Amino acid sequence: SGHGKDIDKSSLEKVDSHGIGMPIVLKLVELHQG
C-alpha cells in the first residue's frame, strides 16, 4: 500500500534501514507497467 517506511524496524540489529527500499521498487514496477 506504499506505507513500508512505517513498519517497526527496531528489532533489526546492525541494519541501516530507512524503509524506502520497497517503496522505490513499487515505484519502479509502476513505471514499467509491471
Full PDB file with SEQRES, HELIX, SHEET, SSBOND, CRYST1, ORIGX, SCALE, CONECT and MASTER records, all heavy atoms in Angstrom:
SEQRES   1 A   34  SER GLY HIS GLY LYS ASP ILE ASP LYS SER SER LEU GLU          
SEQRES   2 A   34  LYS VAL ASP SER HIS GLY ILE GLY MET PRO ILE VAL LEU          
SEQRES   3 A   34  LYS LEU VAL GLU LEU HIS GLN GLY                              
HELIX    1 AA1 GLY A    4  ASP A    6  5                                   3    
HELIX    2 AA2 GLY A   21  LEU A   31  1                                  11    
CRYST1    1.000    1.000    1.000  90.00  90.00  90.00 P 1           1          
ORIGX1      1.000000  0.000000  0.000000        0.00000                         
ORIGX2      0.000000  1.000000  0.000000        0.00000                         
ORIGX3      0.000000  0.000000  1.000000        0.00000                         
SCALE1      1.000000  0.000000  0.000000        0.00000                         
SCALE2      0.000000  1.000000  0.000000        0.00000                         
SCALE3      0.000000  0.000000  1.000000        0.00000                         
ATOM      1  N   SER A   1       0.823  -1.212   0.000  1.00  0.00           N  
ATOM      2  CA  SER A   1       0.000   0.000   0.000  1.00  0.00           C  
ATOM      3  C   SER A   1       0.856   1.260   0.000  1.00  0.00           C  
ATOM      4  O   SER A   1       0.343   2.370   0.044  1.00  0.00           O  
ATOM      5  CB  SER A   1      -0.934   0.014   1.216  1.00  0.00           C  
ATOM      6  OG  SER A   1      -0.193   0.096   2.419  1.00  0.00           O  
ATOM      7  N   GLY A   2       2.199   1.064  -0.037  1.00  0.00           N  
ATOM      8  CA  GLY A   2       3.107   2.201  -0.084  1.00  0.00           C  
ATOM      9  C   GLY A   2       3.491   2.759   1.268  1.00  0.00           C  
ATOM     10  O   GLY A   2       4.066   3.843   1.355  1.00  0.00           O  
ATOM     11  N   HIS A   3       3.204   2.018   2.359  1.00  0.00           N  
ATOM     12  CA  HIS A   3       3.498   2.501   3.706  1.00  0.00           C  
ATOM     13  C   HIS A   3       4.564   1.645   4.395  1.00  0.00           C  
ATOM     14  O   HIS A   3       4.584   1.506   5.618  1.00  0.00           O  
ATOM     15  CB  HIS A   3       2.226   2.522   4.557  1.00  0.00           C  
ATOM     16  CG  HIS A   3       1.202   3.496   4.083  1.00  0.00           C  
ATOM     17  ND1 HIS A   3       0.252   3.170   3.136  1.00  0.00           N  
ATOM     18  CD2 HIS A   3       1.000   4.801   4.374  1.00  0.00           C  
ATOM     19  CE1 HIS A   3      -0.510   4.218   2.892  1.00  0.00           C  
ATOM     20  NE2 HIS A   3      -0.079   5.221   3.623  1.00  0.00           N  
ATOM     21  N   GLY A   4       5.486   1.095   3.600  1.00  0.00           N  
ATOM     22  CA  GLY A   4       6.530   0.242   4.155  1.00  0.00           C  
ATOM     23  C   GLY A   4       7.441   0.952   5.134  1.00  0.00           C  
ATOM     24  O   GLY A   4       7.976   0.335   6.066  1.00  0.00           O  
ATOM     25  N   LYS A   5       7.610   2.254   4.959  1.00  0.00           N  
ATOM     26  CA  LYS A   5       8.504   3.006   5.844  1.00  0.00           C  
ATOM     27  C   LYS A   5       7.950   3.078   7.270  1.00  0.00           C  
ATOM     28  O   LYS A   5       8.690   3.395   8.205  1.00  0.00           O  
ATOM     29  CB  LYS A   5       8.720   4.415   5.306  1.00  0.00           C  
ATOM     30  CG  LYS A   5       7.485   5.279   5.253  1.00  0.00           C  
ATOM     31  CD  LYS A   5       7.785   6.627   4.642  1.00  0.00           C  
ATOM     32  CE  LYS A   5       6.532   7.486   4.544  1.00  0.00           C  
ATOM     33  NZ  LYS A   5       5.962   7.778   5.862  1.00  0.00           N  
ATOM     34  N   ASP A   6       6.641   2.797   7.447  1.00  0.00           N  
ATOM     35  CA  ASP A   6       6.026   2.872   8.773  1.00  0.00           C  
ATOM     36  C   ASP A   6       6.172   1.589   9.583  1.00  0.00           C  
ATOM     37  O   ASP A   6       5.750   1.529  10.736  1.00  0.00           O  
ATOM     38  CB  ASP A   6       4.537   3.212   8.635  1.00  0.00           C  
ATOM     39  CG  ASP A   6       4.325   4.579   7.999  1.00  0.00           C  
ATOM     40  OD1 ASP A   6       5.151   5.470   8.248  1.00  0.00           O  
ATOM     41  OD2 ASP A   6       3.353   4.740   7.251  1.00  0.00           O  
ATOM     42  N   ILE A   7       6.748   0.542   8.968  1.00  0.00           N  
ATOM     43  CA  ILE A   7       6.928  -0.721   9.687  1.00  0.00           C  
ATOM     44  C   ILE A   7       7.973  -0.548  10.783  1.00  0.00           C  
ATOM     45  O   ILE A   7       9.002   0.096  10.582  1.00  0.00           O  
ATOM     46  CB  ILE A   7       7.365  -1.839   8.711  1.00  0.00           C  
ATOM     47  CG1 ILE A   7       6.243  -2.133   7.706  1.00  0.00           C  
ATOM     48  CG2 ILE A   7       7.736  -3.104   9.457  1.00  0.00           C  
ATOM     49  CD1 ILE A   7       6.632  -3.114   6.621  1.00  0.00           C  
ATOM     50  N   ASP A   8       7.723  -1.123  11.936  1.00  0.00           N  
ATOM     51  CA  ASP A   8       8.653  -1.038  13.067  1.00  0.00           C  
ATOM     52  C   ASP A   8       9.896  -1.862  12.766  1.00  0.00           C  
ATOM     53  O   ASP A   8       9.824  -3.074  12.587  1.00  0.00           O  
ATOM     54  CB  ASP A   8       7.962  -1.566  14.332  1.00  0.00           C  
ATOM     55  CG  ASP A   8       8.871  -1.490  15.556  1.00  0.00           C  
ATOM     56  OD1 ASP A   8       9.929  -0.837  15.471  1.00  0.00           O  
ATOM     57  OD2 ASP A   8       8.522  -2.098  16.584  1.00  0.00           O  
ATOM     58  N   LYS A   9      11.061  -1.187  12.711  1.00  0.00           N  
ATOM     59  CA  LYS A   9      12.312  -1.874  12.387  1.00  0.00           C  
ATOM     60  C   LYS A   9      13.279  -1.893  13.569  1.00  0.00           C  
ATOM     61  O   LYS A   9      14.470  -2.093  13.408  1.00  0.00           O  
ATOM     62  CB  LYS A   9      12.985  -1.198  11.180  1.00  0.00           C  
ATOM     63  CG  LYS A   9      12.067  -1.133   9.969  1.00  0.00           C  
ATOM     64  CD  LYS A   9      12.667  -0.275   8.886  1.00  0.00           C  
ATOM     65  CE  LYS A   9      11.637   0.009   7.825  1.00  0.00           C  
ATOM     66  NZ  LYS A   9      10.544   0.891   8.324  1.00  0.00           N  
ATOM     67  N   SER A  10      12.742  -1.666  14.773  1.00  0.00           N  
ATOM     68  CA  SER A  10      13.590  -1.590  15.964  1.00  0.00           C  
ATOM     69  C   SER A  10      14.270  -2.921  16.275  1.00  0.00           C  
ATOM     70  O   SER A  10      15.298  -2.959  16.953  1.00  0.00           O  
ATOM     71  CB  SER A  10      12.760  -1.148  17.173  1.00  0.00           C  
ATOM     72  OG  SER A  10      11.673  -2.040  17.398  1.00  0.00           O  
ATOM     73  N   SER A  11      13.707  -4.022  15.772  1.00  0.00           N  
ATOM     74  CA  SER A  11      14.289  -5.338  16.045  1.00  0.00           C  
ATOM     75  C   SER A  11      15.440  -5.685  15.100  1.00  0.00           C  
ATOM     76  O   SER A  11      16.113  -6.694  15.277  1.00  0.00           O  
ATOM     77  CB  SER A  11      13.202  -6.425  15.933  1.00  0.00           C  
ATOM     78  OG  SER A  11      12.672  -6.457  14.621  1.00  0.00           O  
ATOM     79  N   LEU A  12      15.660  -4.851  14.079  1.00  0.00           N  
ATOM     80  CA  LEU A  12      16.705  -5.133  13.106  1.00  0.00           C  
ATOM     81  C   LEU A  12      18.035  -4.592  13.601  1.00  0.00           C  
ATOM     82  O   LEU A  12      18.302  -3.401  13.521  1.00  0.00           O  
ATOM     83  CB  LEU A  12      16.358  -4.516  11.742  1.00  0.00           C  
ATOM     84  CG  LEU A  12      15.073  -5.023  11.078  1.00  0.00           C  
ATOM     85  CD1 LEU A  12      14.843  -4.277   9.784  1.00  0.00           C  
ATOM     86  CD2 LEU A  12      15.143  -6.520  10.842  1.00  0.00           C  
ATOM     87  N   GLU A  13      18.848  -5.455  14.117  1.00  0.00           N  
ATOM     88  CA  GLU A  13      20.146  -5.039  14.623  1.00  0.00           C  
ATOM     89  C   GLU A  13      21.163  -4.914  13.488  1.00  0.00           C  
ATOM     90  O   GLU A  13      21.211  -5.726  12.587  1.00  0.00           O  
ATOM     91  CB  GLU A  13      20.666  -6.050  15.651  1.00  0.00           C  
ATOM     92  CG  GLU A  13      19.791  -6.157  16.893  1.00  0.00           C  
ATOM     93  CD  GLU A  13      20.357  -7.139  17.892  1.00  0.00           C  
ATOM     94  OE1 GLU A  13      21.432  -7.711  17.616  1.00  0.00           O  
ATOM     95  OE2 GLU A  13      19.721  -7.348  18.945  1.00  0.00           O  
ATOM     96  N   LYS A  14      21.967  -3.876  13.572  1.00  0.00           N  
ATOM     97  CA  LYS A  14      23.066  -3.648  12.631  1.00  0.00           C  
ATOM     98  C   LYS A  14      22.592  -3.535  11.184  1.00  0.00           C  
ATOM     99  O   LYS A  14      23.312  -3.870  10.254  1.00  0.00           O  
ATOM    100  CB  LYS A  14      24.110  -4.770  12.741  1.00  0.00           C  
ATOM    101  CG  LYS A  14      24.748  -4.864  14.120  1.00  0.00           C  
ATOM    102  CD  LYS A  14      25.760  -5.997  14.175  1.00  0.00           C  
ATOM    103  CE  LYS A  14      26.387  -6.100  15.548  1.00  0.00           C  
ATOM    104  NZ  LYS A  14      27.368  -7.206  15.640  1.00  0.00           N  
ATOM    105  N   VAL A  15      21.356  -3.100  10.981  1.00  0.00           N  
ATOM    106  CA  VAL A  15      20.843  -2.881   9.626  1.00  0.00           C  
ATOM    107  C   VAL A  15      20.416  -1.420   9.508  1.00  0.00           C  
ATOM    108  O   VAL A  15      19.556  -0.956  10.249  1.00  0.00           O  
ATOM    109  CB  VAL A  15      19.640  -3.796   9.308  1.00  0.00           C  
ATOM    110  CG1 VAL A  15      19.092  -3.468   7.919  1.00  0.00           C  
ATOM    111  CG2 VAL A  15      20.055  -5.258   9.374  1.00  0.00           C  
ATOM    112  N   ASP A  16      21.053  -0.698   8.590  1.00  0.00           N  
ATOM    113  CA  ASP A  16      20.719   0.707   8.372  1.00  0.00           C  
ATOM    114  C   ASP A  16      19.492   0.774   7.471  1.00  0.00           C  
ATOM    115  O   ASP A  16      19.601   0.779   6.246  1.00  0.00           O  
ATOM    116  CB  ASP A  16      21.904   1.426   7.732  1.00  0.00           C  
ATOM    117  CG  ASP A  16      21.618   2.905   7.496  1.00  0.00           C  
ATOM    118  OD1 ASP A  16      20.695   3.421   8.149  1.00  0.00           O  
ATOM    119  OD2 ASP A  16      22.314   3.517   6.673  1.00  0.00           O  
ATOM    120  N   SER A  17      18.319   0.801   8.086  1.00  0.00           N  
ATOM    121  CA  SER A  17      17.085   0.721   7.312  1.00  0.00           C  
ATOM    122  C   SER A  17      16.238   1.974   7.482  1.00  0.00           C  
ATOM    123  O   SER A  17      15.852   2.331   8.590  1.00  0.00           O  
ATOM    124  CB  SER A  17      16.266  -0.500   7.749  1.00  0.00           C  
ATOM    125  OG  SER A  17      15.029  -0.534   7.094  1.00  0.00           O  
ATOM    126  N   HIS A  18      15.980   2.639   6.342  1.00  0.00           N  
ATOM    127  CA  HIS A  18      15.087   3.796   6.348  1.00  0.00           C  
ATOM    128  C   HIS A  18      13.696   3.406   5.843  1.00  0.00           C  
ATOM    129  O   HIS A  18      12.788   4.224   5.849  1.00  0.00           O  
ATOM    130  CB  HIS A  18      15.646   4.906   5.456  1.00  0.00           C  
ATOM    131  CG  HIS A  18      16.936   5.479   5.963  1.00  0.00           C  
ATOM    132  ND1 HIS A  18      17.005   6.256   7.089  1.00  0.00           N  
ATOM    133  CD2 HIS A  18      18.201   5.371   5.494  1.00  0.00           C  
ATOM    134  CE1 HIS A  18      18.259   6.620   7.309  1.00  0.00           C  
ATOM    135  NE2 HIS A  18      19.004   6.094   6.351  1.00  0.00           N  
ATOM    136  N   GLY A  19      13.549   2.151   5.361  1.00  0.00           N  
ATOM    137  CA  GLY A  19      12.252   1.693   4.891  1.00  0.00           C  
ATOM    138  C   GLY A  19      11.847   2.223   3.533  1.00  0.00           C  
ATOM    139  O   GLY A  19      10.672   2.215   3.182  1.00  0.00           O  
ATOM    140  N   ILE A  20      12.810   2.717   2.738  1.00  0.00           N  
ATOM    141  CA  ILE A  20      12.452   3.299   1.437  1.00  0.00           C  
ATOM    142  C   ILE A  20      12.767   2.353   0.273  1.00  0.00           C  
ATOM    143  O   ILE A  20      12.458   2.651  -0.867  1.00  0.00           O  
ATOM    144  CB  ILE A  20      13.159   4.644   1.205  1.00  0.00           C  
ATOM    145  CG1 ILE A  20      14.681   4.460   1.142  1.00  0.00           C  
ATOM    146  CG2 ILE A  20      12.784   5.648   2.278  1.00  0.00           C  
ATOM    147  CD1 ILE A  20      15.430   5.690   0.697  1.00  0.00           C  
ATOM    148  N   GLY A  21      13.382   1.193   0.569  1.00  0.00           N  
ATOM    149  CA  GLY A  21      13.764   0.264  -0.494  1.00  0.00           C  
ATOM    150  C   GLY A  21      12.577  -0.244  -1.286  1.00  0.00           C  
ATOM    151  O   GLY A  21      12.527  -0.134  -2.516  1.00  0.00           O  
ATOM    152  N   MET A  22      11.579  -0.816  -0.583  1.00  0.00           N  
ATOM    153  CA  MET A  22      10.417  -1.363  -1.274  1.00  0.00           C  
ATOM    154  C   MET A  22       9.533  -0.285  -1.897  1.00  0.00           C  
ATOM    155  O   MET A  22       9.005  -0.495  -2.998  1.00  0.00           O  
ATOM    156  CB  MET A  22       9.600  -2.236  -0.318  1.00  0.00           C  
ATOM    157  CG  MET A  22      10.208  -3.615  -0.075  1.00  0.00           C  
ATOM    158  SD  MET A  22      10.624  -4.515  -1.605  1.00  0.00           S  
ATOM    159  CE  MET A  22       8.999  -4.728  -2.338  1.00  0.00           C  
ATOM    160  N   PRO A  23       9.339   0.884  -1.260  1.00  0.00           N  
ATOM    161  CA  PRO A  23       8.607   1.942  -1.964  1.00  0.00           C  
ATOM    162  C   PRO A  23       9.249   2.319  -3.288  1.00  0.00           C  
ATOM    163  O   PRO A  23       8.559   2.604  -4.262  1.00  0.00           O  
ATOM    164  CB  PRO A  23       8.643   3.111  -0.966  1.00  0.00           C  
ATOM    165  CG  PRO A  23       8.684   2.444   0.362  1.00  0.00           C  
ATOM    166  CD  PRO A  23       9.554   1.231   0.158  1.00  0.00           C  
ATOM    167  N   ILE A  24      10.590   2.308  -3.337  1.00  0.00           N  
ATOM    168  CA  ILE A  24      11.289   2.592  -4.589  1.00  0.00           C  
ATOM    169  C   ILE A  24      11.018   1.489  -5.603  1.00  0.00           C  
ATOM    170  O   ILE A  24      10.764   1.745  -6.784  1.00  0.00           O  
ATOM    171  CB  ILE A  24      12.801   2.741  -4.348  1.00  0.00           C  
ATOM    172  CG1 ILE A  24      13.088   4.054  -3.611  1.00  0.00           C  
ATOM    173  CG2 ILE A  24      13.573   2.722  -5.669  1.00  0.00           C  
ATOM    174  CD1 ILE A  24      14.524   4.233  -3.198  1.00  0.00           C  
ATOM    175  N   VAL A  25      11.037   0.222  -5.144  1.00  0.00           N  
ATOM    176  CA  VAL A  25      10.734  -0.904  -6.026  1.00  0.00           C  
ATOM    177  C   VAL A  25       9.318  -0.774  -6.574  1.00  0.00           C  
ATOM    178  O   VAL A  25       9.083  -0.957  -7.779  1.00  0.00           O  
ATOM    179  CB  VAL A  25      10.894  -2.243  -5.281  1.00  0.00           C  
ATOM    180  CG1 VAL A  25      10.349  -3.398  -6.128  1.00  0.00           C  
ATOM    181  CG2 VAL A  25      12.359  -2.507  -4.948  1.00  0.00           C  
ATOM    182  N   LEU A  26       8.354  -0.452  -5.717  1.00  0.00           N  
ATOM    183  CA  LEU A  26       6.964  -0.299  -6.151  1.00  0.00           C  
ATOM    184  C   LEU A  26       6.843   0.785  -7.221  1.00  0.00           C  
ATOM    185  O   LEU A  26       6.119   0.636  -8.199  1.00  0.00           O  
ATOM    186  CB  LEU A  26       6.072   0.048  -4.961  1.00  0.00           C  
ATOM    187  CG  LEU A  26       5.816  -1.065  -3.940  1.00  0.00           C  
ATOM    188  CD1 LEU A  26       5.069  -0.514  -2.746  1.00  0.00           C  
ATOM    189  CD2 LEU A  26       5.051  -2.207  -4.568  1.00  0.00           C  
ATOM    190  N   LYS A  27       7.574   1.874  -7.020  1.00  0.00           N  
ATOM    191  CA  LYS A  27       7.539   2.978  -7.976  1.00  0.00           C  
ATOM    192  C   LYS A  27       8.118   2.538  -9.326  1.00  0.00           C  
ATOM    193  O   LYS A  27       7.591   2.876 -10.391  1.00  0.00           O  
ATOM    194  CB  LYS A  27       8.329   4.163  -7.417  1.00  0.00           C  
ATOM    195  CG  LYS A  27       8.119   5.466  -8.170  1.00  0.00           C  
ATOM    196  CD  LYS A  27       8.953   6.579  -7.561  1.00  0.00           C  
ATOM    197  CE  LYS A  27       8.523   6.916  -6.159  1.00  0.00           C  
ATOM    198  NZ  LYS A  27       9.283   8.066  -5.597  1.00  0.00           N  
ATOM    199  N   LEU A  28       9.199   1.766  -9.277  1.00  0.00           N  
ATOM    200  CA  LEU A  28       9.831   1.277 -10.499  1.00  0.00           C  
ATOM    201  C   LEU A  28       8.931   0.286 -11.237  1.00  0.00           C  
ATOM    202  O   LEU A  28       8.827   0.308 -12.469  1.00  0.00           O  
ATOM    203  CB  LEU A  28      11.167   0.612 -10.160  1.00  0.00           C  
ATOM    204  CG  LEU A  28      12.296   1.564  -9.760  1.00  0.00           C  
ATOM    205  CD1 LEU A  28      13.417   0.801  -9.072  1.00  0.00           C  
ATOM    206  CD2 LEU A  28      12.830   2.302 -10.964  1.00  0.00           C  
ATOM    207  N   VAL A  29       8.289  -0.593 -10.480  1.00  0.00           N  
ATOM    208  CA  VAL A  29       7.362  -1.560 -11.088  1.00  0.00           C  
ATOM    209  C   VAL A  29       6.227  -0.813 -11.780  1.00  0.00           C  
ATOM    210  O   VAL A  29       5.810  -1.153 -12.890  1.00  0.00           O  
ATOM    211  CB  VAL A  29       6.803  -2.526 -10.025  1.00  0.00           C  
ATOM    212  CG1 VAL A  29       5.662  -3.362 -10.596  1.00  0.00           C  
ATOM    213  CG2 VAL A  29       7.908  -3.450  -9.517  1.00  0.00           C  
ATOM    214  N   GLU A  30       5.727   0.232 -11.128  1.00  0.00           N  
ATOM    215  CA  GLU A  30       4.662   1.048 -11.711  1.00  0.00           C  
ATOM    216  C   GLU A  30       5.119   1.700 -13.010  1.00  0.00           C  
ATOM    217  O   GLU A  30       4.389   1.719 -14.003  1.00  0.00           O  
ATOM    218  CB  GLU A  30       4.241   2.127 -10.703  1.00  0.00           C  
ATOM    219  CG  GLU A  30       3.132   3.026 -11.209  1.00  0.00           C  
ATOM    220  CD  GLU A  30       2.812   4.149 -10.230  1.00  0.00           C  
ATOM    221  OE1 GLU A  30       3.470   4.235  -9.174  1.00  0.00           O  
ATOM    222  OE2 GLU A  30       1.921   4.952 -10.545  1.00  0.00           O  
ATOM    223  N   LEU A  31       6.348   2.218 -13.012  1.00  0.00           N  
ATOM    224  CA  LEU A  31       6.880   2.856 -14.215  1.00  0.00           C  
ATOM    225  C   LEU A  31       6.996   1.873 -15.369  1.00  0.00           C  
ATOM    226  O   LEU A  31       6.820   2.243 -16.524  1.00  0.00           O  
ATOM    227  CB  LEU A  31       8.251   3.468 -13.913  1.00  0.00           C  
ATOM    228  CG  LEU A  31       8.261   4.755 -13.076  1.00  0.00           C  
ATOM    229  CD1 LEU A  31       9.684   5.116 -12.686  1.00  0.00           C  
ATOM    230  CD2 LEU A  31       7.626   5.900 -13.851  1.00  0.00           C  
ATOM    231  N   HIS A  32       7.309   0.612 -15.053  1.00  0.00           N  
ATOM    232  CA  HIS A  32       7.455  -0.418 -16.081  1.00  0.00           C  
ATOM    233  C   HIS A  32       6.130  -1.116 -16.398  1.00  0.00           C  
ATOM    234  O   HIS A  32       6.114  -2.090 -17.141  1.00  0.00           O  
ATOM    235  CB  HIS A  32       8.477  -1.465 -15.633  1.00  0.00           C  
ATOM    236  CG  HIS A  32       9.906  -1.005 -15.720  1.00  0.00           C  
ATOM    237  ND1 HIS A  32      10.580  -0.871 -16.906  1.00  0.00           N  
ATOM    238  CD2 HIS A  32      10.787  -0.638 -14.757  1.00  0.00           C  
ATOM    239  CE1 HIS A  32      11.812  -0.463 -16.686  1.00  0.00           C  
ATOM    240  NE2 HIS A  32      11.963  -0.299 -15.393  1.00  0.00           N  
ATOM    241  N   GLN A  33       5.032  -0.636 -15.812  1.00  0.00           N  
ATOM    242  CA  GLN A  33       3.709  -1.231 -16.011  1.00  0.00           C  
ATOM    243  C   GLN A  33       3.721  -2.714 -15.645  1.00  0.00           C  
ATOM    244  O   GLN A  33       3.135  -3.549 -16.344  1.00  0.00           O  
ATOM    245  CB  GLN A  33       3.236  -1.023 -17.456  1.00  0.00           C  
ATOM    246  CG  GLN A  33       3.096   0.444 -17.836  1.00  0.00           C  
ATOM    247  CD  GLN A  33       2.632   0.629 -19.268  1.00  0.00           C  
ATOM    248  OE1 GLN A  33       2.925  -0.198 -20.135  1.00  0.00           O  
ATOM    249  NE2 GLN A  33       1.924   1.710 -19.518  1.00  0.00           N  
ATOM    250  N   GLY A  34       4.390  -3.014 -14.554  1.00  0.00           N  
ATOM    251  CA  GLY A  34       4.509  -4.401 -14.108  1.00  0.00           C  
ATOM    252  C   GLY A  34       3.605  -4.721 -12.946  1.00  0.00           C  
ATOM    253  O   GLY A  34       2.736  -3.948 -12.559  1.00  0.00           O  
TER     254      GLY A  34                                                      
MASTER        0    0    0    2    0    0    0    6  253    1    0    3          
END                                                                             
